[in-house]
Amino acid sequence: MKSKYYLLERTAAFGENIIKLCHSLPKTVITVPLINQLIKSGTSIGANYSEADNAESKKDFKHKIRICRKESKEAGFFLRMIKTAIPEKTNEVENLQQEAHELNLIFNAINHNTHID
């Protein structure tokens, strides 16, 4: 089993890759709102996982994990919109969509396996 630091690093790397992608995108009336939403959701996954790691209780931990799950799903959605708005970025975006999906599955499993007494 990988340590909690692996997931912390993985979520941080995802956020960094979202930032790099967003820097490379053209700024238009269509893309700017999508970029803003993608940066918020994509970078908040790691921030919320970091908070979950320091949770005050199991209930608090589970709440933060659920936010991670929600934000990873949201990031995947906005990546889809970016892919539609800027088709030439499809390959780069699809790699990030896959990572968002995998993170969502991980957080779903953590949520499912975390029992509150």
Protein backbone atom coordinates (compact mmCIF):
# COMPACT_ATOMS: atom_id res chain seq x y z
CA MET A 1 0.00 0.00 0.00
CA LYS A 2 1.28 3.45 -0.90
CA SER A 3 1.63 6.06 1.79
CA LYS A 4 -0.67 9.03 2.25
CA TYR A 5 2.18 11.17 0.94
CA TYR A 6 1.84 9.49 -2.46
CA LEU A 7 -1.73 10.76 -2.82
CA LEU A 8 -0.76 14.18 -1.50
CA GLU A 9 1.99 14.37 -4.13
CA ARG A 10 -0.31 13.03 -6.85
CA THR A 11 -3.01 15.62 -6.13
CA ALA A 12 -0.40 18.41 -6.00
CA ALA A 13 1.07 17.29 -9.34
CA PHE A 14 -2.43 17.24 -10.82
CA GLY A 15 -3.00 20.83 -9.68
CA GLU A 16 0.37 21.88 -11.10
CA ASN A 17 -0.43 20.25 -14.43
CA ILE A 18 -3.79 22.02 -14.51
CA ILE A 19 -1.99 25.34 -13.98
CA LYS A 20 0.50 24.54 -16.77
CA LEU A 21 -2.33 23.64 -19.13
CA CYS A 22 -4.23 26.82 -18.31
CA HIS A 23 -1.12 28.95 -18.93
CA SER A 24 -0.90 27.46 -22.43
CA LEU A 25 -4.52 28.11 -23.39
CA PRO A 26 -5.65 31.07 -25.48
CA LYS A 27 -7.60 33.59 -23.45
CA THR A 28 -10.96 34.28 -25.11
CA VAL A 29 -14.44 35.16 -23.95
CA ILE A 30 -15.21 31.42 -24.00
CA THR A 31 -12.07 30.06 -22.40
CA VAL A 32 -11.49 32.52 -19.55
CA PRO A 33 -14.50 31.38 -17.46
CA LEU A 34 -13.65 27.74 -18.14
CA ILE A 35 -10.02 28.29 -17.16
CA ASN A 36 -11.06 30.02 -13.93
CA GLN A 37 -13.36 27.16 -12.95
CA LEU A 38 -10.80 24.52 -13.93
CA ILE A 39 -8.06 26.14 -11.86
CA LYS A 40 -10.36 26.35 -8.84
CA SER A 41 -11.51 22.74 -8.99
CA GLY A 42 -8.22 21.25 -10.16
CA THR A 43 -6.09 22.85 -7.47
CA SER A 44 -8.58 22.44 -4.63
CA ILE A 45 -8.35 18.64 -4.76
CA GLY A 46 -4.86 18.66 -3.24
CA ALA A 47 -5.71 21.44 -0.81
CA ASN A 48 -8.71 19.54 0.51
CA TYR A 49 -6.79 16.27 0.67
CA SER A 50 -4.14 18.07 2.71
CA GLU A 51 -6.89 19.25 5.05
CA ALA A 52 -8.33 15.73 5.24
CA ASP A 53 -4.90 14.48 6.22
CA ASN A 54 -5.04 16.83 9.22
CA ALA A 55 -8.71 16.31 10.02
CA GLU A 56 -9.89 16.75 13.59
CA SER A 57 -12.21 13.73 13.45
CA LYS A 58 -13.35 10.90 11.18
CA LYS A 59 -16.42 12.95 10.32
CA ASP A 60 -14.23 15.90 9.31
CA PHE A 61 -11.95 13.55 7.33
CA LYS A 62 -14.88 12.05 5.44
CA HIS A 63 -16.29 15.51 4.70
CA LYS A 64 -12.97 16.65 3.18
CA ILE A 65 -12.67 13.44 1.15
CA ARG A 66 -16.15 14.04 -0.23
CA ILE A 67 -15.05 17.53 -1.29
CA CYS A 68 -12.03 15.97 -3.03
CA ARG A 69 -14.37 13.59 -4.81
CA LYS A 70 -16.66 16.43 -5.88
CA GLU A 71 -13.81 18.64 -7.06
CA SER A 72 -12.16 15.85 -9.08
CA LYS A 73 -15.49 15.24 -10.84
CA GLU A 74 -15.86 18.97 -11.48
CA ALA A 75 -12.32 19.23 -12.85
CA GLY A 76 -13.11 16.41 -15.26
CA PHE A 77 -16.19 18.29 -16.42
CA PHE A 78 -14.31 21.51 -17.11
CA LEU A 79 -11.54 19.60 -18.88
CA ARG A 80 -14.24 18.25 -21.19
CA MET A 81 -15.42 21.79 -21.87
CA ILE A 82 -11.83 22.93 -22.56
CA LYS A 83 -11.42 20.05 -25.00
CA THR A 84 -14.54 21.21 -26.83
CA ALA A 85 -13.46 24.86 -26.83
CA ILE A 86 -9.87 24.14 -27.92
CA PRO A 87 -9.77 20.87 -29.88
CA GLU A 88 -6.04 21.20 -30.61
CA LYS A 89 -5.39 20.55 -26.89
CA THR A 90 -7.27 17.23 -26.96
CA ASN A 91 -4.29 14.95 -26.20
CA GLU A 92 -3.07 17.02 -23.26
CA VAL A 93 -6.58 17.44 -21.89
CA GLU A 94 -7.42 13.74 -22.20
CA ASN A 95 -4.40 12.83 -20.06
CA LEU A 96 -5.66 15.19 -17.36
CA GLN A 97 -9.21 13.87 -17.75
CA GLN A 98 -7.90 10.37 -17.09
CA GLU A 99 -6.08 11.55 -13.97
CA ALA A 100 -9.20 13.40 -12.74
CA HIS A 101 -11.20 10.22 -13.25
CA GLU A 102 -8.65 8.08 -11.39
CA LEU A 103 -8.52 10.55 -8.51
CA ASN A 104 -12.32 10.49 -8.36
CA LEU A 105 -12.27 6.69 -8.13
CA ILE A 106 -9.66 6.83 -5.36
CA PHE A 107 -11.69 9.35 -3.34
CA ASN A 108 -14.86 7.33 -3.91
CA ALA A 109 -13.10 4.28 -2.47
CA ILE A 110 -11.72 6.21 0.50
CA ASN A 111 -15.16 7.64 1.21
CA HIS A 112 -16.79 4.23 0.92
CA ASN A 113 -14.23 2.59 3.22
CA THR A 114 -14.26 5.31 5.89
CA HIS A 115 -16.74 4.40 8.58
CA ILE A 116 -17.80 6.94 11.14
CA ASP A 117 -18.33 5.46 14.59
